[in-house]
Structures are given as structure tokens and as C-alpha cells.
Protein backbone atom coordinates (compact mmCIF):
# COMPACT_ATOMS: atom_id res chain seq x y z
CA UNK A 1 57.38 -119.77 -174.74
CA UNK A 2 59.38 -117.21 -176.63
CA UNK A 3 60.65 -117.44 -180.20
CA UNK A 4 64.19 -117.62 -178.84
CA UNK A 5 63.44 -120.71 -176.76
CA UNK A 6 66.06 -123.38 -177.14
CA UNK A 7 64.65 -126.55 -178.74
CA UNK A 8 65.89 -129.32 -176.50
CA UNK A 9 65.44 -133.02 -177.01
CA UNK A 10 66.02 -135.32 -174.04
CA UNK A 11 68.22 -132.89 -172.19
CA UNK A 12 68.01 -131.07 -168.90
CA UNK A 13 66.24 -127.73 -168.79
CA UNK A 14 65.34 -125.19 -166.16
CA UNK A 15 62.67 -122.57 -165.76
CA UNK A 16 64.24 -119.19 -165.01
CA UNK A 17 63.68 -115.61 -166.11
CA UNK A 18 65.30 -114.55 -169.36
CA UNK A 19 65.74 -110.96 -170.56
CA UNK A 20 63.99 -111.77 -173.87
CA UNK A 21 60.80 -113.13 -172.25
CA UNK A 22 57.48 -111.72 -173.26
CA UNK A 23 54.80 -110.78 -170.78
CA UNK A 24 56.88 -112.00 -167.83
CA UNK A 25 56.84 -115.63 -169.06
CA UNK A 26 59.67 -117.91 -168.06
CA UNK A 27 61.90 -119.34 -170.75
CA UNK A 28 63.59 -122.74 -170.87
CA UNK A 29 67.32 -122.23 -170.56
CA UNK A 30 69.80 -125.14 -170.87
CA UNK A 31 72.73 -125.78 -168.54
CA UNK A 32 71.58 -123.50 -165.72
CA UNK A 33 72.10 -124.28 -162.05
CA UNK A 34 68.50 -123.37 -161.12
CA UNK A 35 65.92 -126.08 -160.32
CA UNK A 36 66.63 -128.78 -162.91
CA UNK A 37 63.90 -130.76 -164.64
CA UNK A 38 64.25 -133.29 -167.43
CA UNK A 39 62.56 -132.52 -170.75
CA UNK A 40 62.02 -135.27 -173.32
CA UNK A 41 60.63 -134.62 -176.80
CA UNK A 42 59.45 -137.66 -178.75
CA UNK A 43 58.84 -137.23 -182.47
CA UNK A 44 56.85 -139.85 -184.34
CA UNK A 45 55.23 -139.99 -187.74
CA UNK A 46 51.51 -139.24 -187.75
CA UNK A 47 50.17 -142.73 -188.38
CA UNK A 48 47.41 -143.12 -185.84
CA UNK A 49 49.14 -143.54 -182.49
CA UNK A 50 46.32 -143.85 -179.99
CA UNK A 51 45.90 -141.83 -176.82
CA UNK A 52 46.73 -145.00 -174.84
CA UNK A 53 49.94 -145.55 -176.83
CA UNK A 54 51.00 -141.94 -176.25
CA UNK A 55 50.27 -142.30 -172.53
CA UNK A 56 52.49 -145.40 -172.49
CA UNK A 57 55.31 -143.48 -174.23
CA UNK A 58 55.02 -140.67 -171.68
CA UNK A 59 55.04 -143.09 -168.75
CA UNK A 60 57.90 -145.13 -170.22
CA UNK A 61 60.12 -142.09 -170.83
CA UNK A 62 59.39 -140.78 -167.34
CA UNK A 63 60.05 -144.17 -165.71
CA UNK A 64 63.34 -144.48 -167.64
CA UNK A 65 64.60 -141.13 -166.34
CA UNK A 66 63.56 -142.06 -162.81
CA UNK A 67 65.26 -145.48 -162.99
CA UNK A 68 68.47 -144.52 -164.81
CA UNK A 69 69.11 -140.95 -163.63
CA UNK A 70 67.11 -140.79 -160.40
CA UNK A 71 64.97 -137.90 -161.71
CA UNK A 72 61.79 -136.75 -160.01
CA UNK A 73 58.78 -137.96 -162.03
CA UNK A 74 56.77 -134.94 -160.82
CA UNK A 75 59.08 -132.54 -162.65
CA UNK A 76 59.74 -134.64 -165.74
CA UNK A 77 58.23 -133.14 -168.89
CA UNK A 78 57.51 -135.33 -171.92
CA UNK A 79 56.08 -133.99 -175.17
CA UNK A 80 55.08 -135.92 -178.27
CA UNK A 81 55.19 -134.29 -181.69
CA UNK A 82 53.50 -136.03 -184.59
CA UNK A 83 55.05 -135.28 -187.96
CA UNK A 84 53.26 -135.83 -191.27
CA UNK A 85 54.89 -138.63 -193.30
CA UNK A 86 55.73 -136.28 -196.18
CA UNK A 87 57.77 -134.19 -193.70
CA UNK A 88 59.89 -137.13 -192.45
CA UNK A 89 62.99 -138.40 -194.21
CA UNK A 90 65.41 -141.26 -193.58
CA UNK A 91 68.65 -141.93 -195.40
CA UNK A 92 68.06 -139.10 -197.87
CA UNK A 93 64.60 -140.40 -198.86
CA UNK A 94 61.05 -139.54 -197.89
CA UNK A 95 59.97 -142.00 -195.17
CA UNK A 96 57.41 -143.78 -197.38
CA UNK A 97 60.02 -144.46 -200.11
CA UNK A 98 62.60 -145.56 -197.54
CA UNK A 99 60.09 -148.05 -196.12
CA UNK A 100 59.24 -149.36 -199.61
CA UNK A 101 62.90 -149.95 -200.40
CA UNK A 102 63.51 -151.58 -197.03
CA UNK A 103 60.51 -153.94 -197.51
CA UNK A 104 61.78 -154.88 -200.99
CA UNK A 105 65.26 -155.71 -199.59
CA UNK A 106 63.76 -157.80 -196.79
CA UNK A 107 61.74 -159.88 -199.29
CA UNK A 108 64.92 -160.98 -201.08
């Protein structure tokens, strides 16, 4: 993939040549009329998701696209990115602090 690749999350992508490709690689280009394939990117915090859990996420996302949009499961791409907790924020707070505050509110 090239540095200019478009980062797409749960949107349609195609594989077609792009003038900025290196070494003849194909680049993902959104909104093209070439052969369409769904691409889903799941981001989770790195907290020990097992290989089996990741496999279930991949299957579930694929099955959802097949059921709802009629997509071909053989061309559906699902990636999972694990992000360190210190690199994840919610509501303007680091994830760990957000969770602490949420737990404190729920105890009341």
C-alpha cells in the first residue's frame, strides 16, 4: 500500500491502478466503478482480545455485510487494529480515566 492510500473505515473500496503506486502495486481508491469490495476496519483497545474473539468479529462483520447489503463474503476485507489504551480517548479523556469516571457514576 502506498503512503497516499485512503484510510477507509467500513466503506466500499476497489483495487485499481493509481499513478502514485510504487512497484506496480495496486492502491485502494474509494468511489470507483471498478470491481467493488467492502472493507471494514475494526479498532479496539489492546486488552487481550483472543484469536477466537477476533475471528468472531471478522465473521460477524462479514456476515452483516452479506445479510444487509448482499455483499460477496469472498471479497469482503476485515481488518482489526488494536490500539494501546494510552492512545485511546473518549469524551476528551484518556480511556482509562473515562472508564473510572463512568464506573463511579454507575455506583451512585
